[in-house]
Amino acid sequence: MDRSHFSPETQMLGYGYEPALSEGSVKCPIFQTSTFVFHSAEEGKSFFEMAYGRPGHEGEVPGLIYSRINNPGMEILEERLKLWDGGEACAAFSSGMSAIATTLFTFLSPGDVLLYSNPVYGGTHKFINNILTQFGIEVIGFRAGQSKKEVEEILVQSGHAGKLKMIYVETPANPTNDLIDIALCSEIAKKYSDVEKNVLVAVDNTYMGPLWQHPLKHGADLVLYSATKYIGGHSDVIAGAAVGSGELISKIKKTRTFFGTMIDPHTSWLLLRSLETLKLRMEAAEMNAEKVADFLSAHPKVEKIYYLGYTGKNNPVQQDIYEKQYLSNGAMLSFDILGGEKQAFTFLNNLRHIKLAVSLGGTESLAEHPATMTHVDIPDEEKELYHINPKMIRLSIGVENYQDLIWDISQALEKVQAPLAKPAEFI
């Protein structure tokens, strides 16, 4: 039966899985095995030659060998994950950081230049600036809101523009919800590509999940996820994913095989479960986030809201990016509390339902302090530049009743001793 016309949310219930091959089981079983039996020595030889990219097997698909290379649950998961972004292929990983690290090491070599957006998740910032650089890779940062001309000037002034190999983007930015124009990055990548190299654009789409932004449609070559977040959605797995063309994902999978950064069978099974409710969960969280943002925007102890729905107020120059690139306001927001770290900590310590924890995209709502938690290792001068200040609190809104979330936020704010009245010019 041809199911290609079905919507992704429908295909999450069965795409890539044939019950007849698993004793009629409605759900894909967990293939908890390290190795697979070959029908013959000749078959084993052929499978290994394909897995290692040996010539003579063009267009063929390798059979099951070893769960570091392939596993039925992992393959079915990858088939489903690619559907949301419209990619040709997907690679699943043991974490979001393993997806990022494996992808960057696949395409970057000593002497290459990585151009990356700021701000980014603290772990990504650390990896780019402290790990990649140890391997002779030049890293150059640019800020959200800078024009194409400004970004190119940064490249040219570095003296290494000709060595540009990849542009890495996180949009919306964590934790400020600043936006990066993916099409603009694609234009720069094309300008610096030539017959010998193709400059790639990779986008971390974790904040929007597979539902609310589709980077491949705006010129990106690769989409990266911490599948721990919305894709997993229950705060009970650690996983990652990369989506793109068959050619690029094939290269990433070869690196994954030797790095050993593949997803495990049980986590694959858990993600298959979670994909069935992805749209429902994300839409419920999206609705709640709008209610919470509206409440916070009217509160006298809140200075500013960092929320996609307020892009036109906070960053008018980014409104065009918002309108062409995003399908939702999302469920992530940050806000500046009136005061500083003391007031922020008082708020966090007095929450009664919302959990004081990092991560995002789960069914439960979470709150954290970016400056001292997720982004603690970013240099202070950079945090100041990117507005990751001591008074900022990040919220990941879950699927609870929004009135309960507002009650919890309200009572926690009541405990805060604000130093001054709220300035009228703030939202």
Protein backbone atom coordinates (compact mmCIF):
# COMPACT_ATOMS: atom_id res chain seq x y z
CA MET A 1 0.00 0.00 0.00
CA ASP A 2 1.33 3.44 -0.97
CA ARG A 3 1.25 5.64 2.13
CA SER A 4 3.38 8.47 0.75
CA HIS A 5 0.39 10.82 0.62
CA PHE A 6 -0.23 10.47 4.37
CA SER A 7 0.73 13.29 6.73
CA PRO A 8 3.83 12.73 8.91
CA GLU A 9 1.74 12.39 12.07
CA THR A 10 -0.14 9.51 10.43
CA GLN A 11 3.02 7.85 9.16
CA MET A 12 4.51 7.90 12.66
CA LEU A 13 2.16 5.00 13.44
CA GLY A 14 3.66 2.52 11.00
CA TYR A 15 6.02 3.88 8.36
CA GLY A 16 9.03 1.65 7.69
CA TYR A 17 7.71 -1.29 9.74
CA GLU A 18 6.16 -4.51 8.45
CA PRO A 19 4.34 -6.49 11.18
CA ALA A 20 4.55 -9.75 9.18
CA LEU A 21 8.33 -9.72 9.65
CA SER A 22 7.93 -9.64 13.45
CA GLU A 23 5.33 -12.31 14.18
CA GLY A 24 2.50 -9.85 13.48
CA SER A 25 3.43 -7.54 16.35
CA VAL A 26 1.52 -4.26 16.02
CA LYS A 27 4.47 -2.34 17.44
CA CYS A 28 8.08 -2.74 16.40
CA PRO A 29 9.84 -5.04 18.90
CA ILE A 30 13.12 -4.17 20.60
CA PHE A 31 15.91 -5.92 18.72
CA GLN A 32 18.16 -6.26 21.75
CA THR A 33 21.04 -7.98 20.01
CA SER A 34 24.61 -7.04 19.25
CA THR A 35 25.08 -9.14 16.12
CA PHE A 36 23.07 -10.72 13.28
CA VAL A 37 23.41 -14.10 11.53
CA PHE A 38 24.33 -14.16 7.84
CA HIS A 39 22.66 -16.63 5.49
CA SER A 40 26.03 -17.37 3.90
CA ALA A 41 29.66 -16.31 3.94
CA GLU A 42 29.11 -14.66 0.57
CA GLU A 43 26.29 -12.55 2.03
CA GLY A 44 28.47 -11.51 4.97
CA LYS A 45 31.23 -10.45 2.58
CA SER A 46 28.79 -8.41 0.51
CA PHE A 47 27.24 -6.71 3.53
CA PHE A 48 30.63 -5.69 4.91
CA GLU A 49 31.81 -4.37 1.57
CA MET A 50 28.71 -2.16 1.40
CA ALA A 51 29.08 -1.01 5.00
CA TYR A 52 32.67 0.05 4.37
CA GLY A 53 31.88 1.74 1.07
CA ARG A 54 33.75 -0.67 -1.16
CA PRO A 55 32.97 -0.28 -4.89
CA GLY A 56 30.74 -2.66 -6.81
CA HIS A 57 27.60 -2.29 -4.69
CA GLU A 58 26.23 1.02 -5.92
CA GLY A 59 22.53 1.34 -5.19
CA GLU A 60 22.46 -1.69 -2.89
CA VAL A 61 21.44 -1.52 0.76
CA PRO A 62 23.55 -3.48 3.28
CA GLY A 63 21.77 -6.08 5.36
CA LEU A 64 21.99 -6.37 9.12
CA ILE A 65 25.52 -6.91 10.46
CA TYR A 66 26.15 -5.56 13.95
CA SER A 67 24.21 -3.05 16.05
CA ARG A 68 27.03 -0.52 15.97
CA ILE A 69 26.39 -0.37 12.21
CA ASN A 70 22.69 -1.09 11.88
CA ASN A 71 19.74 -2.41 13.85
CA PRO A 72 16.10 -2.88 12.73
CA GLY A 73 14.70 -0.53 15.37
CA MET A 74 17.28 2.14 14.56
CA GLU A 75 16.59 1.88 10.84
CA ILE A 76 12.82 2.16 11.27
CA LEU A 77 13.30 5.16 13.58
CA GLU A 78 15.53 6.85 11.00
CA GLU A 79 12.98 6.23 8.25
CA ARG A 80 10.30 7.99 10.28
CA LEU A 81 12.41 10.88 11.55
CA LYS A 82 13.36 11.99 8.03
CA LEU A 83 9.70 12.51 7.09
CA TRP A 84 9.06 15.67 9.13
CA ASP A 85 11.91 17.62 7.53
CA GLY A 86 11.50 16.13 4.07
CA GLY A 87 15.02 14.69 4.11
CA GLU A 88 16.25 11.75 2.08
CA ALA A 89 17.87 10.05 5.05
CA CYS A 90 18.47 10.26 8.79
CA ALA A 91 21.13 9.09 11.23
CA ALA A 92 20.21 8.50 14.89
CA PHE A 93 22.71 9.02 17.71
CA SER A 94 23.29 8.37 21.38
CA SER A 95 22.84 12.09 22.22
CA GLY A 96 22.40 15.50 20.66
CA MET A 97 26.06 16.31 21.28
CA SER A 98 27.13 13.07 19.60
CA ALA A 99 25.04 14.05 16.57
CA ILE A 100 26.74 17.46 16.49
CA ALA A 101 30.28 16.15 17.11
CA THR A 102 30.01 13.27 14.64
CA THR A 103 28.59 15.54 11.94
CA LEU A 104 31.23 18.24 12.35
CA PHE A 105 34.10 15.76 12.44
CA THR A 106 32.72 14.11 9.29
CA PHE A 107 33.06 17.25 7.20
CA LEU A 108 35.77 19.35 8.89
CA SER A 109 39.51 18.72 8.64
CA PRO A 110 42.58 20.54 9.97
CA GLY A 111 42.86 23.90 8.23
CA ASP A 112 39.13 24.20 7.53
CA VAL A 113 37.00 27.08 8.82
CA LEU A 114 33.70 26.71 10.68
CA LEU A 115 31.51 29.82 10.77
CA TYR A 116 28.97 29.59 13.58
CA SER A 117 26.12 31.67 14.99
CA ASN A 118 25.84 33.08 18.51
CA PRO A 119 24.45 32.51 21.02
CA VAL A 120 24.43 28.72 20.97
CA TYR A 121 23.85 26.05 23.58
CA GLY A 122 26.68 26.06 26.12
CA GLY A 123 27.81 22.52 25.32
CA THR A 124 27.99 23.34 21.62
CA HIS A 125 29.95 26.52 22.33
CA LYS A 126 32.45 24.53 24.42
CA PHE A 127 32.82 21.86 21.74
CA ILE A 128 33.35 24.36 18.94
CA ASN A 129 35.80 26.59 20.78
CA ASN A 130 37.71 24.09 22.93
CA ILE A 131 37.58 20.77 21.07
CA LEU A 132 37.48 21.54 17.35
CA THR A 133 40.28 24.04 17.70
CA GLN A 134 42.55 21.32 19.13
CA PHE A 135 42.32 19.59 15.76
CA GLY A 136 43.48 22.60 13.77
CA ILE A 137 40.01 23.76 12.77
CA GLU A 138 39.51 27.53 12.67
CA VAL A 139 36.26 28.73 14.25
CA ILE A 140 34.70 32.12 13.57
CA GLY A 141 31.56 33.38 15.30
CA PHE A 142 28.90 35.84 14.21
CA ARG A 143 25.89 37.23 16.06
CA ALA A 144 22.20 36.86 15.42
CA GLY A 145 20.92 40.03 13.78
CA GLN A 146 24.03 40.75 11.73
CA SER A 147 23.47 41.35 8.02
CA LYS A 148 24.94 39.28 5.20
CA LYS A 149 27.45 42.06 4.56
CA GLU A 150 28.51 42.13 8.22
CA VAL A 151 28.92 38.36 8.38
CA GLU A 152 31.01 38.32 5.22
CA GLU A 153 33.17 41.15 6.57
CA ILE A 154 33.90 39.03 9.65
CA LEU A 155 34.96 36.20 7.35
CA VAL A 156 37.15 38.40 5.19
CA GLN A 157 38.78 40.12 8.19
CA SER A 158 39.72 36.73 9.60
CA GLY A 159 41.95 36.17 6.59
CA HIS A 160 40.59 32.62 6.21
CA ALA A 161 37.44 33.15 4.13
CA GLY A 162 38.74 30.87 1.38
CA LYS A 163 38.94 27.96 3.82
CA LEU A 164 35.27 28.13 4.84
CA LYS A 165 33.89 24.58 4.91
CA MET A 166 30.74 24.76 7.02
CA ILE A 167 28.27 27.23 8.51
CA TYR A 168 26.70 26.02 11.76
CA VAL A 169 23.51 27.70 12.93
CA GLU A 170 21.31 27.39 15.99
CA THR A 171 17.98 29.08 15.39
CA PRO A 172 16.11 30.14 17.40
CA ALA A 173 19.11 30.79 19.60
CA ASN A 174 19.24 29.21 23.04
CA PRO A 175 18.23 30.92 25.35
CA THR A 176 17.36 34.28 23.74
CA ASN A 177 15.11 33.14 20.86
CA ASP A 178 17.13 35.33 18.47
CA LEU A 179 16.69 34.28 14.84
CA ILE A 180 19.21 33.43 12.13
CA ASP A 181 18.25 33.68 8.46
CA ILE A 182 18.96 30.19 7.07
CA ALA A 183 18.57 31.33 3.45
CA LEU A 184 21.16 34.07 4.07
CA CYS A 185 23.60 31.46 5.39
CA SER A 186 22.91 29.30 2.35
CA GLU A 187 23.76 32.23 0.06
CA ILE A 188 27.09 32.73 1.82
CA ALA A 189 27.81 29.00 1.62
CA LYS A 190 27.15 28.95 -2.12
CA LYS A 191 29.38 31.99 -2.63
CA TYR A 192 32.35 30.25 -1.03
CA SER A 193 31.72 26.85 -2.63
CA ASP A 194 33.66 25.77 -5.71
CA VAL A 195 34.37 22.67 -7.80
CA GLU A 196 36.65 21.27 -5.10
CA LYS A 197 34.44 21.86 -2.05
CA ASN A 198 30.80 22.34 -1.18
CA VAL A 199 30.35 24.60 1.85
CA LEU A 200 27.59 23.05 3.97
CA VAL A 201 24.96 24.67 6.17
CA ALA A 202 24.01 22.70 9.31
CA VAL A 203 21.14 23.85 11.53
CA ASP A 204 20.45 22.81 15.12
CA ASN A 205 16.64 22.68 15.08
CA THR A 206 16.18 21.39 18.63
CA TYR A 207 14.28 24.45 19.90
CA MET A 208 11.57 24.07 17.23
CA GLY A 209 11.55 20.31 16.94
CA PRO A 210 10.61 18.63 13.67
CA LEU A 211 7.22 20.36 13.62
CA TRP A 212 7.72 24.11 13.67
CA GLN A 213 10.71 24.81 11.39
CA HIS A 214 12.03 22.90 8.37
CA PRO A 215 15.56 24.15 7.62
CA LEU A 216 16.09 22.01 4.51
CA LYS A 217 13.34 23.99 2.79
CA HIS A 218 15.29 27.21 3.40
CA GLY A 219 18.62 26.05 1.99
CA ALA A 220 20.20 24.08 4.85
CA ASP A 221 22.04 20.87 3.99
CA LEU A 222 21.73 19.19 7.38
CA VAL A 223 19.30 19.41 10.30
CA LEU A 224 20.50 18.38 13.75
CA TYR A 225 18.48 17.51 16.82
CA SER A 226 18.87 16.67 20.43
CA ALA A 227 16.19 13.99 20.18
CA THR A 228 16.21 14.00 23.98
CA LYS A 229 13.96 17.04 23.73
CA TYR A 230 10.67 17.21 21.78
CA ILE A 231 11.27 14.02 19.79
CA GLY A 232 11.72 11.97 22.98
CA GLY A 233 9.44 14.29 24.88
CA HIS A 234 9.25 12.45 28.21
CA SER A 235 12.62 13.29 29.81
CA ASP A 236 13.54 9.60 29.89
CA VAL A 237 15.98 9.21 26.97
CA ILE A 238 19.21 10.75 25.69
CA ALA A 239 19.40 10.73 21.89
CA GLY A 240 20.25 12.77 18.80
CA ALA A 241 19.58 12.86 15.06
CA ALA A 242 20.84 14.29 11.78
CA VAL A 243 18.64 14.64 8.68
CA GLY A 244 19.71 15.50 5.13
CA SER A 245 20.52 14.08 1.72
CA GLY A 246 21.31 10.42 1.28
CA GLU A 247 24.87 11.28 0.26
CA LEU A 248 25.64 13.40 3.33
CA ILE A 249 23.94 11.11 5.82
CA SER A 250 25.81 8.13 4.37
CA LYS A 251 29.09 9.87 5.14
CA ILE A 252 27.93 10.73 8.65
CA LYS A 253 26.90 7.12 9.28
CA LYS A 254 30.38 5.89 8.34
CA THR A 255 31.90 8.23 10.92
CA ARG A 256 29.26 7.16 13.45
CA THR A 257 30.24 3.52 12.97
CA PHE A 258 33.85 4.17 13.99
CA PHE A 259 33.08 6.73 16.70
CA GLY A 260 30.49 4.37 18.17
CA THR A 261 27.99 7.21 18.64
CA MET A 262 24.95 5.28 17.38
CA ILE A 263 21.67 5.07 19.26
CA ASP A 264 20.96 1.87 21.23
CA PRO A 265 18.03 -0.52 20.54
CA HIS A 266 16.00 0.34 23.62
CA THR A 267 16.27 4.09 23.09
CA SER A 268 15.29 3.61 19.43
CA TRP A 269 12.16 1.81 20.59
CA LEU A 270 11.33 4.55 23.09
CA LEU A 271 11.66 7.22 20.39
CA LEU A 272 9.39 5.24 18.05
CA ARG A 273 6.82 5.34 20.86
CA SER A 274 7.29 9.07 21.36
CA LEU A 275 6.98 9.96 17.67
CA GLU A 276 3.37 8.78 17.74
CA THR A 277 2.37 11.66 20.04
CA LEU A 278 4.91 14.27 18.88
CA LYS A 279 2.42 16.57 17.18
CA LEU A 280 -0.11 16.36 20.01
CA ARG A 281 2.50 17.11 22.67
CA MET A 282 4.10 19.99 20.81
CA GLU A 283 0.79 21.66 19.99
CA ALA A 284 -0.35 21.42 23.61
CA ALA A 285 2.92 22.97 24.82
CA GLU A 286 2.70 25.68 22.16
CA MET A 287 -0.75 26.73 23.37
CA ASN A 288 0.39 26.82 26.99
CA ALA A 289 3.49 28.88 26.16
CA GLU A 290 1.38 31.61 24.60
CA LYS A 291 -0.74 31.87 27.75
CA VAL A 292 2.33 31.98 29.99
CA ALA A 293 4.04 34.61 27.82
CA ASP A 294 0.97 36.85 27.93
CA PHE A 295 0.83 36.53 31.72
CA LEU A 296 4.50 37.36 32.16
CA SER A 297 4.35 40.33 29.78
CA ALA A 298 1.85 42.05 32.07
CA HIS A 299 3.64 41.28 35.34
CA PRO A 300 5.34 44.24 37.11
CA LYS A 301 8.36 42.15 38.18
CA VAL A 302 9.20 41.05 34.62
CA GLU A 303 11.33 43.31 32.45
CA LYS A 304 11.40 41.52 29.12
CA ILE A 305 10.10 38.36 27.44
CA TYR A 306 12.24 36.44 24.93
CA TYR A 307 9.49 34.67 22.97
CA LEU A 308 8.99 34.14 19.25
CA GLY A 309 5.51 35.59 19.46
CA TYR A 310 7.09 38.90 20.51
CA THR A 311 9.70 39.01 17.75
CA GLY A 312 8.10 42.07 16.19
CA LYS A 313 8.38 43.96 19.50
CA ASN A 314 11.80 42.77 20.60
CA ASN A 315 13.61 42.50 17.25
CA PRO A 316 11.65 44.24 14.47
CA VAL A 317 14.49 43.61 11.99
CA GLN A 318 14.02 39.87 12.53
CA GLN A 319 10.28 39.89 11.83
CA ASP A 320 10.80 38.97 8.17
CA ILE A 321 12.87 35.94 9.21
CA TYR A 322 10.15 34.91 11.64
CA GLU A 323 7.41 35.15 9.02
CA LYS A 324 9.20 33.15 6.32
CA GLN A 325 10.94 30.53 8.49
CA TYR A 326 8.65 29.60 11.38
CA LEU A 327 5.35 27.76 11.60
CA SER A 328 4.77 28.46 15.30
CA ASN A 329 5.84 30.59 18.25
CA GLY A 330 7.15 27.42 19.87
CA ALA A 331 7.04 26.48 23.54
CA MET A 332 10.35 27.94 24.74
CA LEU A 333 10.60 31.34 26.36
CA SER A 334 12.97 33.23 28.59
CA PHE A 335 12.37 36.34 30.64
CA ASP A 336 14.37 38.92 32.55
CA ILE A 337 13.17 39.30 36.12
CA LEU A 338 13.44 42.74 37.65
CA GLY A 339 16.70 42.71 39.62
CA GLY A 340 19.48 40.18 39.11
CA GLU A 341 20.72 36.74 40.13
CA LYS A 342 19.32 37.02 43.66
CA GLN A 343 15.81 37.69 42.38
CA ALA A 344 16.12 35.00 39.71
CA PHE A 345 17.21 32.42 42.26
CA THR A 346 14.39 33.42 44.64
CA PHE A 347 11.90 32.80 41.85
CA LEU A 348 13.41 29.45 40.91
CA ASN A 349 13.63 28.28 44.52
CA ASN A 350 9.97 29.03 45.14
CA LEU A 351 8.43 27.16 42.20
CA ARG A 352 6.11 24.45 43.45
CA HIS A 353 5.16 22.54 40.30
CA ILE A 354 7.56 23.61 37.55
CA LYS A 355 10.78 21.65 37.98
CA LEU A 356 14.12 23.42 38.49
CA ALA A 357 16.07 21.46 35.90
CA VAL A 358 17.85 21.84 32.57
CA SER A 359 16.75 20.28 29.26
CA LEU A 360 13.56 21.13 27.41
CA GLY A 361 10.77 19.76 25.27
CA GLY A 362 9.38 17.28 27.81
CA THR A 363 5.80 16.84 28.89
CA GLU A 364 6.60 18.63 32.16
CA SER A 365 7.49 22.30 32.44
CA LEU A 366 11.07 23.13 33.43
CA ALA A 367 12.86 26.28 34.59
CA GLU A 368 16.58 27.04 34.71
CA HIS A 369 19.12 29.88 34.99
CA PRO A 370 21.14 29.96 31.75
CA ALA A 371 23.94 32.24 32.96
CA THR A 372 24.97 29.85 35.74
CA MET A 373 23.72 26.54 34.34
CA THR A 374 23.43 25.64 30.63
CA HIS A 375 25.66 28.54 29.51
CA VAL A 376 27.95 28.80 32.54
CA ASP A 377 31.16 28.13 30.59
CA ILE A 378 30.60 30.82 27.97
CA PRO A 379 32.99 33.71 28.72
CA ASP A 380 31.35 36.51 30.70
CA GLU A 381 32.02 39.10 27.99
CA GLU A 382 30.21 36.91 25.45
CA LYS A 383 27.28 36.33 27.77
CA GLU A 384 26.95 40.09 28.21
CA LEU A 385 27.15 40.61 24.45
CA TYR A 386 24.43 38.01 23.79
CA HIS A 387 22.18 39.23 26.64
CA ILE A 388 22.54 36.06 28.70
CA ASN A 389 22.40 38.01 31.93
CA PRO A 390 22.02 37.10 35.64
CA LYS A 391 18.35 38.11 35.64
CA MET A 392 17.37 35.78 32.79
CA ILE A 393 15.26 32.68 33.48
CA ARG A 394 14.50 30.09 30.78
CA LEU A 395 11.23 28.18 30.73
CA SER A 396 10.38 25.05 28.77
CA ILE A 397 6.60 24.89 28.79
CA GLY A 398 4.98 21.48 29.02
CA VAL A 399 1.51 20.02 28.48
CA GLU A 400 -0.07 20.73 31.87
CA ASN A 401 -3.15 22.89 32.37
CA TYR A 402 -1.86 26.39 31.63
CA GLN A 403 -3.78 27.87 34.57
CA ASP A 404 -1.75 25.72 36.96
CA LEU A 405 1.49 26.90 35.35
CA ILE A 406 0.43 30.53 35.67
CA TRP A 407 -0.53 29.97 39.32
CA ASP A 408 2.91 28.51 40.05
CA ILE A 409 4.76 31.32 38.25
CA SER A 410 2.59 33.93 39.96
CA GLN A 411 3.14 32.65 43.50
CA ALA A 412 6.91 32.34 42.89
CA LEU A 413 7.06 35.92 41.62
CA GLU A 414 5.23 37.09 44.75
CA LYS A 415 8.20 35.87 46.81
CA VAL A 416 10.62 38.05 44.83
CA GLN A 417 11.66 41.36 46.35
CA ALA A 418 12.00 43.54 43.28
CA PRO A 419 14.38 46.52 43.72
CA LEU A 420 12.50 48.92 41.48
CA ALA A 421 9.21 49.44 39.71
CA LYS A 422 8.94 48.01 36.21
CA PRO A 423 10.14 50.51 33.55
CA ALA A 424 7.30 51.53 31.27
CA GLU A 425 9.26 50.94 28.05
CA PHE A 426 9.57 47.21 28.64
CA ILE A 427 7.04 44.76 27.28
